Amino acid sequence: MVDTTEYSHTTIIVGDMERALGFYRDWLGLKVVREYVMWPGSPRASIYEKLFGSSPIHFRLVALETDDERKRRMELIQWFYPQPRPFDTELKLVDPGFKWLGIPTQLPPKKETRKLYENAPHYLIGKFISPPMGLEGIPPPYECCFVHDPDGNMVELTNNDHMSSVTGDVEKMDKWYREVLGLKAGTDHTATPDSLRGREYEKLIGVPMGHCRFVRLFATDQVQQRNGGVELGQYWNPKTIPAQGRDQWNIGFKWPGVKVKNLDAAYRELQGKGVKFVSPVVESTNPNWKACLCFDPEGGIVELLEA
């Protein structure tokens, strides 16, 4: 089993970097910690061509902190080449392949969710799916709500950062992320229409609640903190339609990044278990990092980095 130590970051593809920064940096208050543009033919372009499985490439990346205490971050990428497809408006929240990002707002020095909601800029007012609300069993001052960013991506304003992904088979995906990738079991919630949690979810995400289950998984160093991680969910009602034909440079595409010990050994182990990769292990200097991209059982991408 791969020794997965830490949830590192979430990557999200945006269509307009300046508009996205207006949302994530200026409104939510996330801090920009790194920024660069990768041009075709530049000295380090070949490294990223291997990582992303495409040549030539041209993109802009901006990394922002979502948790300043643990130095966790999100990465915004705007692709210029390959030419990205627009945001997939046909993909619904209940469909396998739908993903959203959880961003903490209530941990100091973050902003209170209620004040964010009440003071949202005019162009965001109509973008909220729900006002801030608490959930049964989670003590105040916890509140969360969902809002769309300028590209239409769904963002959860909550008390911890994570990436949620709707799957077609939560049992299979839960097993793969635990037994193959090495994440640890965390929370596990099932909601039905007649349950309190089901009624809460219906208000929160704006979807008539039938029957769903969500499990949260954590890397080794974050099991006790219950912060960061991957959330997997499945809807049995309403009916779901699998996502198809989505590439890693298309607007709205997202993937989690996790740190592992001894990436080369992890790569060989996962290959031996039949895991498919976008890229082999690639290494960069200035800054120093080592990473590769692999596919989960439903075709989602996971970025593995050397711890």
Protein backbone atom coordinates (compact mmCIF):
# COMPACT_ATOMS: atom_id res chain seq x y z
CA MET A 1 0.00 0.00 0.00
CA VAL A 2 1.23 3.49 -0.86
CA ASP A 3 2.23 5.56 2.18
CA THR A 4 0.09 8.66 1.61
CA THR A 5 1.05 11.24 4.21
CA GLU A 6 -0.77 14.49 3.46
CA TYR A 7 -3.46 16.11 1.32
CA SER A 8 -1.46 18.78 -0.48
CA HIS A 9 -3.70 20.81 -2.78
CA THR A 10 -6.61 20.88 -5.22
CA THR A 11 -6.12 21.96 -8.85
CA ILE A 12 -8.94 23.64 -10.76
CA ILE A 13 -8.98 24.72 -14.42
CA VAL A 14 -10.41 28.21 -15.00
CA GLY A 15 -11.40 30.05 -18.16
CA ASP A 16 -10.34 33.58 -17.15
CA MET A 17 -7.60 33.90 -14.53
CA GLU A 18 -8.29 37.52 -13.63
CA ARG A 19 -11.99 36.87 -13.02
CA ALA A 20 -11.12 33.76 -11.00
CA LEU A 21 -8.65 35.76 -8.88
CA GLY A 22 -11.36 38.35 -8.28
CA PHE A 23 -13.37 35.55 -6.69
CA TYR A 24 -10.76 33.49 -4.83
CA ARG A 25 -8.19 36.16 -3.94
CA ASP A 26 -10.14 39.42 -3.68
CA TRP A 27 -13.47 38.16 -2.34
CA LEU A 28 -12.57 35.02 -0.37
CA GLY A 29 -9.26 36.50 0.74
CA LEU A 30 -6.95 33.63 -0.23
CA LYS A 31 -3.27 34.54 -0.41
CA VAL A 32 -1.33 34.11 -3.67
CA VAL A 33 1.86 32.18 -2.89
CA ARG A 34 3.17 31.30 -6.37
CA GLU A 35 2.51 32.31 -9.96
CA TYR A 36 4.12 31.58 -13.33
CA VAL A 37 3.37 31.21 -17.04
CA MET A 38 4.62 28.16 -18.94
CA TRP A 39 5.43 28.91 -22.58
CA PRO A 40 6.06 26.36 -25.36
CA GLY A 41 9.79 25.82 -25.74
CA SER A 42 10.71 27.37 -22.39
CA PRO A 43 13.45 25.61 -20.38
CA ARG A 44 11.05 23.70 -18.09
CA ALA A 45 8.28 23.11 -20.63
CA SER A 46 9.38 19.53 -21.34
CA ILE A 47 8.85 18.61 -17.65
CA TYR A 48 5.24 19.81 -17.73
CA GLU A 49 4.65 18.23 -21.14
CA LYS A 50 5.52 14.87 -19.57
CA LEU A 51 3.44 15.58 -16.46
CA PHE A 52 0.28 16.57 -18.36
CA GLY A 53 0.73 14.17 -21.27
CA SER A 54 0.52 16.83 -23.97
CA SER A 55 2.95 18.74 -26.23
CA PRO A 56 3.28 21.65 -26.77
CA ILE A 57 1.74 23.35 -23.74
CA HIS A 58 0.98 26.94 -22.73
CA PHE A 59 -0.69 27.78 -19.41
CA ARG A 60 -0.71 30.17 -16.46
CA LEU A 61 -0.74 28.82 -12.90
CA VAL A 62 -1.54 30.70 -9.70
CA ALA A 63 -1.29 28.93 -6.33
CA LEU A 64 -3.26 30.26 -3.33
CA GLU A 65 -3.25 29.20 0.31
CA THR A 66 -6.48 27.70 1.64
CA ASP A 67 -5.01 26.94 5.06
CA ASP A 68 -2.20 29.24 6.18
CA GLU A 69 -1.43 27.15 9.27
CA ARG A 70 -0.88 23.91 7.35
CA LYS A 71 0.33 25.60 4.15
CA ARG A 72 -2.24 23.78 2.08
CA ARG A 73 -3.27 25.41 -1.18
CA MET A 74 -5.34 25.38 -4.32
CA GLU A 75 -3.89 25.85 -7.80
CA LEU A 76 -5.72 27.73 -10.56
CA ILE A 77 -4.62 26.90 -14.09
CA GLN A 78 -5.72 28.73 -17.21
CA TRP A 79 -4.85 26.80 -20.38
CA PHE A 80 -4.08 28.55 -23.65
CA TYR A 81 -2.83 25.41 -25.42
CA PRO A 82 -4.19 22.77 -25.71
CA GLN A 83 -7.32 24.82 -26.37
CA PRO A 84 -9.70 24.15 -23.46
CA ARG A 85 -13.35 23.32 -23.93
CA PRO A 86 -15.89 25.51 -22.09
CA PHE A 87 -17.29 24.54 -18.72
CA ASP A 88 -19.45 21.41 -19.01
CA THR A 89 -22.89 22.83 -18.26
CA GLU A 90 -24.50 19.44 -18.93
CA LEU A 91 -22.77 17.89 -15.93
CA LYS A 92 -25.09 18.02 -12.91
CA LEU A 93 -24.28 17.80 -9.23
CA VAL A 94 -25.63 14.25 -9.01
CA ASP A 95 -23.60 12.94 -11.99
CA PRO A 96 -20.44 10.83 -11.53
CA GLY A 97 -17.50 13.06 -12.38
CA PHE A 98 -18.99 16.20 -10.81
CA LYS A 99 -16.47 17.71 -8.38
CA TRP A 100 -16.39 20.69 -6.08
CA LEU A 101 -13.89 22.42 -3.86
CA GLY A 102 -14.31 23.02 -0.13
CA ILE A 103 -12.64 26.20 1.15
CA PRO A 104 -12.40 27.08 4.86
CA THR A 105 -13.78 30.49 5.82
CA GLN A 106 -14.18 30.28 9.60
CA LEU A 107 -10.64 29.52 10.76
CA PRO A 108 -8.73 32.67 11.82
CA PRO A 109 -7.77 34.84 10.04
CA LYS A 110 -10.46 33.74 7.55
CA LYS A 111 -13.78 35.53 7.19
CA GLU A 112 -17.08 34.48 8.74
CA THR A 113 -19.30 32.68 6.25
CA ARG A 114 -22.37 34.75 7.15
CA LYS A 115 -20.53 38.06 6.56
CA LEU A 116 -19.15 36.77 3.24
CA TYR A 117 -22.67 35.94 2.17
CA GLU A 118 -24.18 39.24 3.29
CA ASN A 119 -21.42 41.36 1.77
CA ALA A 120 -20.97 39.50 -1.53
CA PRO A 121 -20.32 41.74 -4.56
CA HIS A 122 -23.36 42.37 -6.72
CA TYR A 123 -22.24 40.06 -9.52
CA LEU A 124 -22.12 37.13 -7.06
CA ILE A 125 -25.50 37.60 -5.38
CA GLY A 126 -27.38 35.37 -7.80
CA LYS A 127 -24.65 32.74 -7.72
CA PHE A 128 -25.37 31.37 -4.24
CA ILE A 129 -27.07 27.98 -4.16
CA SER A 130 -27.96 28.34 -0.48
CA PRO A 131 -27.48 30.80 2.39
CA PRO A 132 -25.15 29.73 5.22
CA MET A 133 -26.67 27.05 7.44
CA GLY A 134 -25.61 24.73 10.23
CA LEU A 135 -25.88 20.94 10.19
CA GLU A 136 -27.30 18.75 12.94
CA GLY A 137 -24.59 17.26 15.14
CA ILE A 138 -21.97 19.90 14.29
CA PRO A 139 -21.82 22.55 17.03
CA PRO A 140 -21.94 26.29 16.28
CA PRO A 141 -20.38 28.47 14.99
CA TYR A 142 -20.18 25.98 12.09
CA GLU A 143 -22.05 27.12 8.98
CA CYS A 144 -21.56 26.23 5.34
CA CYS A 145 -23.08 27.15 1.99
CA PHE A 146 -22.50 26.65 -1.73
CA VAL A 147 -21.69 29.32 -4.30
CA HIS A 148 -20.64 29.30 -7.98
CA ASP A 149 -17.35 30.91 -9.03
CA PRO A 150 -17.20 32.97 -12.27
CA ASP A 151 -16.66 29.81 -14.37
CA GLY A 152 -19.66 28.02 -12.85
CA ASN A 153 -17.60 25.75 -10.57
CA MET A 154 -19.35 24.91 -7.32
CA VAL A 155 -17.47 25.98 -4.20
CA GLU A 156 -18.38 24.96 -0.66
CA LEU A 157 -17.64 27.60 1.97
CA THR A 158 -17.06 25.50 5.07
CA ASN A 159 -14.68 24.99 7.99
CA ASN A 160 -12.14 22.75 6.26
CA ASP A 161 -10.62 22.37 2.83
CA HIS A 162 -11.19 19.27 0.71
CA MET A 163 -12.28 18.10 -2.72
CA SER A 164 -15.60 16.33 -3.20
CA SER A 165 -16.25 13.99 -6.10
CA VAL A 166 -19.49 12.28 -7.14
CA THR A 167 -18.91 8.66 -8.19
CA GLY A 168 -20.84 5.89 -9.87
CA ASP A 169 -19.80 3.30 -7.26
CA VAL A 170 -18.84 4.71 -3.88
CA GLU A 171 -17.93 1.27 -2.48
CA LYS A 172 -15.42 0.60 -5.27
CA MET A 173 -13.96 4.09 -5.15
CA ASP A 174 -13.72 4.09 -1.34
CA LYS A 175 -11.87 0.76 -1.48
CA TRP A 176 -9.45 2.00 -4.16
CA TYR A 177 -8.56 5.22 -2.35
CA ARG A 178 -8.00 3.32 0.90
CA GLU A 179 -6.42 0.03 -0.20
CA VAL A 180 -4.48 1.23 -3.26
CA LEU A 181 -3.75 4.90 -2.60
CA GLY A 182 -3.42 4.53 1.18
CA LEU A 183 -5.94 7.10 2.44
CA LYS A 184 -7.65 6.47 5.79
CA ALA A 185 -11.37 6.17 6.50
CA GLY A 186 -12.98 9.22 8.07
CA THR A 187 -16.64 10.25 8.13
CA ASP A 188 -19.44 8.28 6.45
CA HIS A 189 -22.96 9.73 6.04
CA THR A 190 -26.02 8.34 4.27
CA ALA A 191 -29.02 10.59 3.62
CA THR A 192 -32.56 9.65 2.62
CA PRO A 193 -35.57 11.93 1.95
CA ASP A 194 -37.14 11.20 5.33
CA SER A 195 -33.96 11.82 7.32
CA LEU A 196 -32.92 15.10 8.95
CA ARG A 197 -29.58 15.04 7.08
CA GLY A 198 -31.43 14.45 3.81
CA ARG A 199 -33.59 17.54 4.36
CA GLU A 200 -30.49 19.55 5.29
CA TYR A 201 -28.65 18.44 2.14
CA GLU A 202 -31.66 19.34 0.00
CA LYS A 203 -31.61 22.93 1.29
CA LEU A 204 -27.83 23.16 1.16
CA ILE A 205 -27.16 21.96 -2.39
CA GLY A 206 -30.48 22.73 -4.04
CA VAL A 207 -31.16 19.19 -5.32
CA PRO A 208 -34.33 17.26 -4.38
CA MET A 209 -32.93 14.66 -2.05
CA GLY A 210 -33.54 11.02 -2.83
CA HIS A 211 -30.79 8.77 -1.52
CA CYS A 212 -27.06 9.50 -1.29
CA ARG A 213 -23.96 8.49 0.65
CA PHE A 214 -20.79 10.51 1.21
CA VAL A 215 -17.52 9.24 2.73
CA ARG A 216 -14.54 11.41 3.66
CA LEU A 217 -10.98 10.03 3.45
CA PHE A 218 -7.82 11.50 4.94
CA ALA A 219 -4.08 11.11 4.49
CA THR A 220 -2.14 9.69 7.44
CA ASP A 221 -1.04 13.06 8.87
CA GLN A 222 -4.57 14.48 8.78
CA VAL A 223 -6.75 11.72 10.25
CA GLN A 224 -6.82 13.33 13.69
CA GLN A 225 -7.30 16.88 12.34
CA ARG A 226 -10.26 15.89 10.11
CA ASN A 227 -9.11 18.68 7.79
CA GLY A 228 -8.17 18.33 4.15
CA GLY A 229 -8.89 15.17 2.22
CA VAL A 230 -11.06 13.59 -0.45
CA GLU A 231 -14.83 13.20 -0.17
CA LEU A 232 -16.58 10.59 -2.34
CA GLY A 233 -20.33 10.56 -2.86
CA GLN A 234 -22.91 8.52 -4.74
CA TYR A 235 -26.54 9.36 -5.57
CA TRP A 236 -29.02 6.54 -6.12
CA ASN A 237 -31.90 8.94 -6.60
CA PRO A 238 -32.03 11.24 -8.62
CA LYS A 239 -30.58 9.09 -11.41
CA THR A 240 -27.02 9.90 -12.44
CA ILE A 241 -25.20 9.99 -15.80
CA PRO A 242 -21.43 9.32 -15.96
CA ALA A 243 -19.19 12.09 -17.29
CA GLN A 244 -17.39 11.32 -20.54
CA GLY A 245 -14.66 12.85 -22.67
CA ARG A 246 -13.31 15.32 -20.12
CA ASP A 247 -9.61 16.24 -20.45
CA GLN A 248 -7.38 17.74 -17.78
CA TRP A 249 -7.18 21.11 -19.58
CA ASN A 250 -10.93 21.67 -19.91
CA ILE A 251 -12.50 24.45 -17.86
CA GLY A 252 -13.97 23.14 -14.63
CA PHE A 253 -11.77 20.03 -14.47
CA LYS A 254 -10.40 19.43 -10.95
CA TRP A 255 -8.09 16.97 -9.25
CA PRO A 256 -6.61 16.39 -5.78
CA GLY A 257 -2.90 16.39 -4.99
CA VAL A 258 -1.59 14.11 -2.24
CA LYS A 259 1.91 13.63 -0.86
CA VAL A 260 3.43 10.15 -0.65
CA LYS A 261 6.69 8.79 0.71
CA ASN A 262 9.13 7.49 -1.92
CA LEU A 263 7.25 8.44 -5.09
CA ASP A 264 9.35 6.20 -7.36
CA ALA A 265 8.48 3.13 -5.27
CA ALA A 266 4.82 4.19 -5.12
CA TYR A 267 4.76 4.57 -8.93
CA ARG A 268 6.14 1.04 -9.42
CA GLU A 269 3.73 -0.41 -6.86
CA LEU A 270 0.69 1.25 -8.43
CA GLN A 271 1.77 0.17 -11.91
CA GLY A 272 1.98 -3.39 -10.61
CA LYS A 273 -1.60 -3.08 -9.39
CA GLY A 274 -2.79 -2.02 -12.83
CA VAL A 275 -3.18 1.70 -12.11
CA LYS A 276 -3.01 3.78 -15.31
CA PHE A 277 -0.87 6.93 -15.41
CA VAL A 278 -1.03 10.17 -17.39
CA SER A 279 2.69 10.57 -16.90
CA PRO A 280 5.73 8.86 -15.43
CA VAL A 281 7.43 10.42 -12.41
CA VAL A 282 8.88 13.81 -13.41
CA GLU A 283 11.22 15.99 -11.39
CA SER A 284 11.87 19.74 -11.35
CA THR A 285 14.45 22.02 -9.79
CA ASN A 286 13.89 25.66 -8.85
CA PRO A 287 11.46 25.02 -7.29
CA ASN A 288 12.19 21.44 -6.32
CA TRP A 289 9.33 18.98 -6.74
CA LYS A 290 8.68 15.46 -7.96
CA ALA A 291 5.24 14.37 -9.18
CA CYS A 292 3.12 12.22 -11.48
CA LEU A 293 -0.55 11.99 -12.47
CA CYS A 294 -2.59 8.78 -12.29
CA PHE A 295 -6.20 7.76 -12.95
CA ASP A 296 -8.63 6.47 -10.33
CA PRO A 297 -11.06 3.65 -11.30
CA GLU A 298 -13.58 6.10 -12.82
CA GLY A 299 -11.07 8.10 -14.84
CA GLY A 300 -10.52 10.94 -12.38
CA ILE A 301 -6.99 12.27 -12.07
CA VAL A 302 -4.98 12.21 -8.85
CA GLU A 303 -1.65 14.04 -8.55
CA LEU A 304 0.99 12.25 -6.47
CA LEU A 305 3.88 14.31 -5.05
CA GLU A 306 7.02 13.29 -3.17
CA ALA A 307 6.53 14.04 0.53
